[in-house]
């Protein structure tokens, strides 16, 4: 056995263009270069030479080793292996990795060709394949085809196998509570989740069909990624600085993912959020009765603002600004009015945040007719 190791080391050390000893390609090449019977005879010849006249036969040993070096160097260059650079396949589908080869500069095709397959696994090591029929996500790696035609030459090629698993459709969920425009900084608007994809899917947010990109102080996108049995799931959270105009905006998310030879996208449903904003305009009007108001009528004054949620209002008369009149929601009800109820009525939001200019006004005029007096 020591002689065999010595011969392998000697041949490997003088090979040209075959790499360093220990490389899987070179080891397989050396193993196939000399068939077992022929290798046995060669070692016997070397053994007899070393057991006989070593000084006399020493030059023949080096000539023999030189012959092996030239033979291996020429053989390496006379085979061409052709493989696809990459093969893409869906998870659970069958993958075919062809390996084509041809010999050049030879008089005839070799009668004996050995083809071996290797895979580069985790840790960047190559492992020989004897039987392979799985298509798990762990199969996304490099496959090597090694062809050895003995004296006709040896070579190899490789293919990168990529496995794809389309994710489930995205699911979007908006916040259930209202978001105030007065809050400083972005607020959580919605979350979008996509599950079981490979490679990792990506999520993009949209407002009214226009993409949203991270913008400090206005738009934040937070992502949570986890892996289950080799499949990736992503949860994306959109934080957005809402404004009053967002009360009618539509938000959605879109997932993009790779498939064999392309990139696909799937959009979620659209959602609308509840936006809270202060009242900036107030309107006050007489709802009843229709037409002129006369003494004894029941009068209703309605007040409405543009804020959300609709505020409660405080009613007053111009002459009695500091007197808050009893109201029912947004309605001031006056029963059996008299001429004394004629005045300029005002309403303002209960929480006007010091903005006294936000108010509504209406003039109420109560008509009356005094009893006729007969003067003698």
Protein backbone atom coordinates (compact mmCIF):
# COMPACT_ATOMS: atom_id res chain seq x y z
CA UNK A 1 0.00 0.00 0.00
CA UNK A 2 2.87 2.38 0.64
CA UNK A 3 4.05 1.95 -2.94
CA UNK A 4 0.60 2.77 -4.27
CA UNK A 5 0.55 5.97 -2.23
CA UNK A 6 4.00 6.84 -3.44
CA UNK A 7 3.09 6.33 -7.07
CA UNK A 8 -0.10 8.39 -6.71
CA UNK A 9 1.86 11.17 -5.08
CA UNK A 10 4.53 11.06 -7.74
CA UNK A 11 2.07 11.15 -10.60
CA UNK A 12 -0.04 13.87 -8.94
CA UNK A 13 2.88 16.09 -8.26
CA UNK A 14 3.99 16.18 -11.88
CA UNK A 15 0.62 16.52 -13.61
CA UNK A 16 0.09 19.70 -15.59
CA UNK A 17 -3.25 21.54 -15.45
CA UNK A 18 -4.90 18.89 -13.27
CA UNK A 19 -4.87 20.78 -10.00
CA UNK A 20 -3.32 19.81 -6.67
CA UNK A 21 -3.41 16.37 -5.14
CA UNK A 22 -6.46 15.94 -2.97
CA UNK A 23 -8.83 17.70 -5.35
CA UNK A 24 -11.86 15.41 -5.95
CA UNK A 25 -11.41 15.78 -9.70
CA UNK A 26 -7.76 14.78 -9.60
CA UNK A 27 -8.36 11.91 -7.19
CA UNK A 28 -11.13 10.49 -9.37
CA UNK A 29 -9.01 11.06 -12.47
CA UNK A 30 -6.04 9.24 -11.00
CA UNK A 31 -8.24 6.40 -9.86
CA UNK A 32 -9.75 5.98 -13.32
CA UNK A 33 -6.56 6.69 -15.21
CA UNK A 34 -5.07 3.32 -14.28
CA UNK A 35 -7.57 0.43 -14.11
CA UNK A 36 -7.07 -1.96 -11.21
CA UNK A 37 -5.35 -4.76 -13.15
CA UNK A 38 -3.07 -2.38 -14.99
CA UNK A 39 -2.25 -0.52 -11.80
CA UNK A 40 -1.30 -3.79 -10.15
CA UNK A 41 1.11 -4.65 -12.95
CA UNK A 42 2.66 -1.20 -12.82
CA UNK A 43 3.24 -1.41 -9.11
CA UNK A 44 4.74 -4.87 -9.48
CA UNK A 45 7.15 -3.51 -12.09
CA UNK A 46 8.16 -0.69 -9.78
CA UNK A 47 8.42 -3.05 -6.87
CA UNK A 48 10.67 -5.42 -8.78
CA UNK A 49 12.77 -2.55 -9.97
CA UNK A 50 13.24 -1.25 -6.46
CA UNK A 51 14.01 -4.73 -5.10
CA UNK A 52 16.62 -5.33 -7.85
CA UNK A 53 19.29 -3.03 -9.16
CA UNK A 54 18.01 0.30 -7.98
CA UNK A 55 20.95 2.31 -9.29
CA UNK A 56 20.87 0.65 -12.67
CA UNK A 57 17.08 0.96 -13.18
CA UNK A 58 16.55 4.33 -11.47
CA UNK A 59 16.47 6.33 -14.76
CA UNK A 60 13.85 4.02 -16.23
CA UNK A 61 11.61 4.75 -13.22
CA UNK A 62 11.75 8.48 -13.85
CA UNK A 63 11.17 8.00 -17.57
CA UNK A 64 8.08 5.98 -16.73
CA UNK A 65 6.77 8.66 -14.37
CA UNK A 66 7.45 11.33 -16.98
CA UNK A 67 5.48 9.29 -19.50
CA UNK A 68 2.52 9.20 -17.09
CA UNK A 69 2.73 12.97 -16.63
CA UNK A 70 2.63 13.63 -20.37
CA UNK A 71 -0.13 11.09 -20.88
CA UNK A 72 -2.30 12.58 -18.14
CA UNK A 73 -1.66 16.15 -19.33
CA UNK A 74 -2.65 15.35 -22.93
CA UNK A 75 -5.66 13.28 -21.87
CA UNK A 76 -7.00 16.14 -19.76
CA UNK A 77 -7.14 18.42 -22.77
CA UNK A 78 -8.85 16.03 -25.20
CA UNK A 79 -12.35 15.84 -23.67
CA UNK A 80 -14.95 18.60 -23.69
CA UNK A 81 -17.85 18.49 -21.21
CA UNK A 82 -20.86 20.74 -21.87
CA UNK A 83 -23.51 21.49 -19.23
CA UNK A 84 -26.09 24.18 -18.62
CA UNK A 85 -24.87 26.94 -16.34
CA UNK A 86 -28.13 26.72 -14.40
CA UNK A 87 -31.31 24.64 -14.23
CA UNK A 88 -34.45 26.04 -12.58
CA UNK A 89 -37.35 23.94 -11.33
CA UNK A 90 -40.42 24.27 -9.12
CA UNK A 91 -40.47 22.48 -5.80
CA UNK A 92 -41.92 18.94 -6.24
CA UNK A 93 -41.19 18.96 -10.00
CA UNK A 94 -38.57 16.75 -11.63
CA UNK A 95 -35.24 18.30 -12.57
CA UNK A 96 -33.10 17.09 -15.48
CA UNK A 97 -29.44 18.04 -15.56
CA UNK A 98 -27.92 16.96 -18.89
CA UNK A 99 -24.22 16.26 -19.27
CA UNK A 100 -22.83 16.16 -22.82
CA UNK A 101 -19.25 15.41 -23.73
CA UNK A 102 -17.08 14.71 -26.75
CA UNK A 103 -13.51 13.62 -27.35
CA UNK A 104 -11.18 15.51 -29.68
CA UNK A 105 -7.83 14.68 -31.22
CA UNK A 106 -8.46 10.94 -30.96
CA UNK A 107 -8.57 8.37 -33.73
CA UNK A 108 -11.64 6.62 -32.33
CA UNK A 109 -14.08 6.92 -29.45
CA UNK A 110 -12.80 5.24 -26.29
CA UNK A 111 -14.29 1.84 -25.60
CA UNK A 112 -14.67 2.53 -21.89
CA UNK A 113 -16.00 5.82 -20.45
CA UNK A 114 -16.77 6.43 -16.79
CA UNK A 115 -19.21 9.20 -15.80
CA UNK A 116 -19.47 10.23 -12.18
CA UNK A 117 -21.68 12.82 -10.49
CA UNK A 118 -20.78 15.01 -7.53
CA UNK A 119 -22.65 17.63 -5.54
CA UNK A 120 -21.21 20.55 -3.64
CA UNK A 121 -22.93 20.47 -0.28
CA UNK A 122 -22.77 22.73 2.74
CA UNK A 123 -19.27 23.60 3.81
CA UNK A 124 -18.08 23.75 0.17
CA UNK A 125 -17.19 20.06 0.05
CA UNK A 126 -17.97 17.80 -2.89
CA UNK A 127 -19.71 14.48 -2.39
CA UNK A 128 -20.10 11.72 -4.93
CA UNK A 129 -23.69 10.86 -5.88
CA UNK A 130 -24.69 7.23 -6.22
CA UNK A 131 -28.46 7.73 -6.22
CA UNK A 132 -30.33 11.02 -6.12
CA UNK A 133 -34.09 11.44 -6.49
CA UNK A 134 -35.11 14.19 -4.07
CA UNK A 135 -36.11 17.74 -4.92
CA UNK A 136 -36.01 19.41 -1.53
CA UNK A 137 -35.02 23.03 -1.14
CA UNK A 138 -31.64 21.81 0.10
CA UNK A 139 -31.02 20.60 -3.46
CA UNK A 140 -30.29 24.17 -4.55
CA UNK A 141 -26.57 23.67 -5.04
CA UNK A 142 -23.96 22.80 -7.65
CA UNK A 143 -23.90 19.47 -9.44
CA UNK A 144 -20.73 18.27 -11.17
CA UNK A 145 -20.49 15.77 -14.03
CA UNK A 146 -17.08 14.13 -14.35
CA UNK A 147 -16.22 12.19 -17.53
CA UNK A 148 -13.20 9.90 -17.83
CA UNK A 149 -12.27 8.22 -21.10
CA UNK A 150 -9.03 6.74 -19.80
CA UNK A 151 -6.28 7.50 -22.33
CA UNK A 152 -8.73 9.58 -24.37
CA UNK A 153 -8.94 12.19 -21.65
CA UNK A 154 -11.04 13.37 -18.71
CA UNK A 155 -12.98 16.51 -17.88
CA UNK A 156 -15.91 17.86 -15.94
CA UNK A 157 -18.68 20.46 -16.02
CA UNK A 158 -21.11 21.85 -13.49
CA UNK A 159 -24.70 23.07 -13.25
CA UNK A 160 -26.26 25.22 -10.55
CA UNK A 161 -29.69 23.80 -9.67
CA UNK A 162 -32.20 26.37 -8.41
CA UNK A 163 -35.46 25.34 -6.72
CA UNK A 164 -38.47 27.68 -6.50
CA UNK A 165 -41.58 27.61 -4.32
CA UNK A 166 -44.22 30.31 -5.03
CA UNK A 167 -45.64 31.77 -1.79
CA UNK A 168 -49.25 32.00 -0.75
CA UNK A 169 -51.25 35.09 -1.72
CA UNK A 170 -50.57 38.13 0.49
CA UNK A 171 -52.98 38.89 3.32
CA UNK A 172 -53.37 42.54 4.36
CA UNK A 173 -54.92 43.77 7.61
CA UNK A 174 -55.50 47.42 8.47
CA UNK A 175 -55.61 48.87 11.95
CA UNK A 176 -59.08 48.83 13.48
CA UNK A 177 -58.74 52.06 15.44
CA UNK A 178 -58.63 55.54 13.98
CA UNK A 179 -55.34 57.36 13.38
CA UNK A 180 -55.04 61.01 14.30
CA UNK A 181 -53.29 63.45 12.00
CA UNK A 182 -52.12 65.36 15.06
CA UNK A 183 -49.93 62.50 16.24
CA UNK A 184 -46.25 63.18 15.78
CA UNK A 185 -44.39 60.75 13.58
CA UNK A 186 -45.67 57.79 11.53
CA UNK A 187 -48.38 55.50 12.90
CA UNK A 188 -49.06 51.87 12.12
CA UNK A 189 -51.44 51.70 9.19
CA UNK A 190 -51.52 48.04 8.16
CA UNK A 191 -49.63 44.76 8.12
CA UNK A 192 -49.10 42.43 5.18
CA UNK A 193 -48.14 38.77 5.47
CA UNK A 194 -46.99 36.28 2.84
CA UNK A 195 -46.04 32.71 3.71
CA UNK A 196 -44.18 29.65 2.42
CA UNK A 197 -42.06 30.97 -0.43
CA UNK A 198 -38.57 30.24 -1.73
CA UNK A 199 -36.44 32.19 -2.34
CA UNK A 200 -37.51 34.86 0.12
CA UNK A 201 -40.40 36.92 -1.29
CA UNK A 202 -40.41 40.73 -1.18
CA UNK A 203 -43.27 43.04 -0.18
CA UNK A 204 -43.96 46.51 -1.60
CA UNK A 205 -46.55 48.95 -0.21
CA UNK A 206 -48.87 51.10 -2.31
CA UNK A 207 -51.08 54.14 -1.67
CA UNK A 208 -53.62 54.77 -4.41
CA UNK A 209 -51.61 52.47 -6.71
CA UNK A 210 -48.40 54.46 -6.18
CA UNK A 211 -45.48 52.72 -4.42
CA UNK A 212 -44.43 53.90 -0.98
CA UNK A 213 -40.73 54.04 -0.19
CA UNK A 214 -39.17 54.56 3.25
CA UNK A 215 -39.01 58.25 4.14
CA UNK A 216 -37.77 59.21 7.62
CA UNK A 217 -40.54 60.88 9.58
CA UNK A 218 -43.20 59.95 7.05
CA UNK A 219 -42.94 56.31 5.94
CA UNK A 220 -41.42 53.38 7.81
CA UNK A 221 -41.51 49.76 6.66
CA UNK A 222 -40.71 47.07 9.24
CA UNK A 223 -40.14 43.46 8.17
CA UNK A 224 -40.18 40.21 10.12
CA UNK A 225 -38.83 37.09 8.37
CA UNK A 226 -38.96 33.50 9.57
CA UNK A 227 -38.21 30.11 8.05
CA UNK A 228 -40.20 26.89 8.33
CA UNK A 229 -38.88 23.71 6.69
CA UNK A 230 -36.81 25.75 4.27
CA UNK A 231 -39.70 28.02 3.22
CA UNK A 232 -39.67 31.73 4.00
CA UNK A 233 -42.51 33.82 5.40
CA UNK A 234 -42.48 37.62 5.61
CA UNK A 235 -44.61 40.01 7.64
CA UNK A 236 -44.31 43.67 6.67
CA UNK A 237 -45.70 46.52 8.76
CA UNK A 238 -46.40 49.93 7.23
CA UNK A 239 -46.04 53.00 9.42
CA UNK A 240 -47.28 56.17 7.78
CA UNK A 241 -47.75 59.81 8.75
CA UNK A 242 -51.40 60.28 7.85
CA UNK A 243 -52.95 63.51 6.66
CA UNK A 244 -56.57 64.53 6.27
CA UNK A 245 -56.59 63.54 2.58
CA UNK A 246 -55.86 59.93 3.56
CA UNK A 247 -59.47 59.49 4.66
CA UNK A 248 -60.22 58.43 1.08
CA UNK A 249 -56.89 56.76 0.28
CA UNK A 250 -56.63 53.07 -0.58
CA UNK A 251 -53.66 51.08 0.72
CA UNK A 252 -52.44 47.73 -0.59
CA UNK A 253 -49.37 45.51 -0.61
CA UNK A 254 -47.77 43.54 -3.41
CA UNK A 255 -45.55 40.48 -3.13
CA UNK A 256 -42.89 39.77 -5.73
CA UNK A 257 -41.17 36.40 -6.00
CA UNK A 258 -38.89 34.49 -8.33
CA UNK A 259 -40.03 31.60 -10.50
CA UNK A 260 -38.09 29.69 -13.17
CA UNK A 261 -37.04 32.28 -15.72
CA UNK A 262 -39.13 35.18 -14.42
CA UNK A 263 -40.33 37.33 -11.52
CA UNK A 264 -44.02 37.38 -10.67
CA UNK A 265 -46.15 39.68 -8.55
CA UNK A 266 -49.45 39.25 -6.70
CA UNK A 267 -51.36 42.18 -5.20
CA UNK A 268 -53.46 42.08 -2.07
CA UNK A 269 -56.90 43.54 -1.51
CA UNK A 270 -57.10 47.27 -0.87
CA UNK A 271 -58.06 48.71 2.49
CA UNK A 272 -59.21 52.06 3.79
CA UNK A 273 -58.26 53.45 7.18
CA UNK A 274 -60.09 55.70 9.60
CA UNK A 275 -58.42 59.09 9.90
CA UNK A 276 -59.09 61.44 12.79
CA UNK A 277 -58.63 65.15 12.12
CA UNK A 278 -59.76 68.33 13.91
CA UNK A 279 -62.67 70.47 12.85
CA UNK A 280 -61.67 73.44 10.71
CA UNK A 281 -65.10 74.57 9.46
CA UNK A 282 -68.50 74.76 11.16
CA UNK A 283 -71.93 75.44 9.70
CA UNK A 284 -75.07 76.40 11.67
CA UNK A 285 -78.56 76.58 10.15
CA UNK A 286 -82.27 76.54 11.08
CA UNK A 287 -83.74 73.16 10.33
CA UNK A 288 -87.29 73.80 11.60
CA UNK A 289 -89.73 75.25 11.10
CA UNK A 290 -89.65 75.93 7.39
CA UNK A 291 -90.23 79.54 6.50
CA UNK A 292 -90.75 82.35 8.96
CA UNK A 293 -90.61 81.73 12.70
CA UNK A 294 -93.42 83.14 14.79
CA UNK A 295 -93.98 83.19 18.49
CA UNK A 296 -95.02 79.82 19.88
CA UNK A 297 -93.09 77.78 17.26
CA UNK A 298 -90.62 75.02 18.15
CA UNK A 299 -87.27 75.81 16.58
CA UNK A 300 -84.37 73.45 15.81
CA UNK A 301 -80.89 74.78 15.03
CA UNK A 302 -78.43 72.25 13.58
CA UNK A 303 -74.65 72.57 13.77
CA UNK A 304 -72.19 70.52 11.73
CA UNK A 305 -68.40 70.51 11.38
CA UNK A 306 -65.93 68.84 9.03
CA UNK A 307 -63.89 67.08 11.73
CA UNK A 308 -63.66 63.35 12.38
CA UNK A 309 -64.95 62.04 14.64
CA UNK A 310 -67.84 64.54 14.58
CA UNK A 311 -67.41 66.79 17.60
CA UNK A 312 -69.93 67.82 20.18
CA UNK A 313 -70.89 71.46 19.99
CA UNK A 314 -71.45 74.32 22.37
CA UNK A 315 -74.30 76.73 21.50
CA UNK A 316 -74.58 80.31 22.62
CA UNK A 317 -76.23 83.61 21.78
CA UNK A 318 -74.19 86.60 20.76
CA UNK A 319 -75.48 88.57 23.71
CA UNK A 320 -74.76 85.68 26.09
CA UNK A 321 -71.47 84.23 24.87
CA UNK A 322 -70.51 82.83 28.24
CA UNK A 323 -73.83 81.03 28.65
CA UNK A 324 -73.84 77.49 27.29
CA UNK A 325 -77.27 76.48 26.12
CA UNK A 326 -78.52 72.91 26.58
CA UNK A 327 -78.11 70.87 23.40
CA UNK A 328 -78.86 67.39 22.12
CA UNK A 329 -75.79 66.25 20.15
CA UNK A 330 -75.57 68.67 17.25
CA UNK A 331 -79.04 70.12 17.66
CA UNK A 332 -80.25 73.06 19.71
CA UNK A 333 -83.99 72.75 20.39
CA UNK A 334 -86.03 75.82 21.41
CA UNK A 335 -89.63 75.24 22.44
CA UNK A 336 -92.37 77.90 22.14
CA UNK A 337 -90.07 80.71 21.15
CA UNK A 338 -90.93 84.30 21.84
CA UNK A 339 -89.74 87.57 20.47
CA UNK A 340 -87.09 87.53 23.20
CA UNK A 341 -85.45 84.51 21.52
CA UNK A 342 -84.55 86.56 18.49
CA UNK A 343 -80.74 86.74 18.43
CA UNK A 344 -77.54 85.73 16.63
CA UNK A 345 -76.88 82.14 17.58
CA UNK A 346 -73.43 80.56 17.48
CA UNK A 347 -71.98 77.04 17.79
CA UNK A 348 -68.38 75.92 18.19
CA UNK A 349 -66.68 72.56 18.73
CA UNK A 350 -66.49 71.50 22.34
CA UNK A 351 -62.76 70.90 21.97
CA UNK A 352 -61.67 73.66 19.67
CA UNK A 353 -58.08 73.65 21.00
CA UNK A 354 -58.19 77.39 21.51
CA UNK A 355 -59.29 78.14 17.95
CA UNK A 356 -62.18 80.47 18.66
CA UNK A 357 -62.53 81.33 14.98
CA UNK A 358 -63.94 77.88 14.23
CA UNK A 359 -67.65 78.48 14.74
CA UNK A 360 -70.95 78.75 12.93
CA UNK A 361 -73.56 81.53 13.13
CA UNK A 362 -77.19 81.99 12.22
CA UNK A 363 -79.62 84.84 12.85
CA UNK A 364 -82.93 83.79 14.37
CA UNK A 365 -85.79 86.23 13.99
CA UNK A 366 -89.06 85.51 15.79
CA UNK A 367 -92.02 87.29 14.22
CA UNK A 368 -94.92 88.37 16.37
CA UNK A 369 -98.22 90.18 16.15
CA UNK A 370 -99.50 92.19 19.09
CA UNK A 371 -103.24 92.06 19.84
CA UNK A 372 -105.23 94.74 18.16
CA UNK A 373 -106.12 97.68 20.42
CA UNK A 374 -109.29 99.57 19.74
CA UNK A 375 -108.99 103.25 20.54
CA UNK A 376 -112.34 104.96 21.05
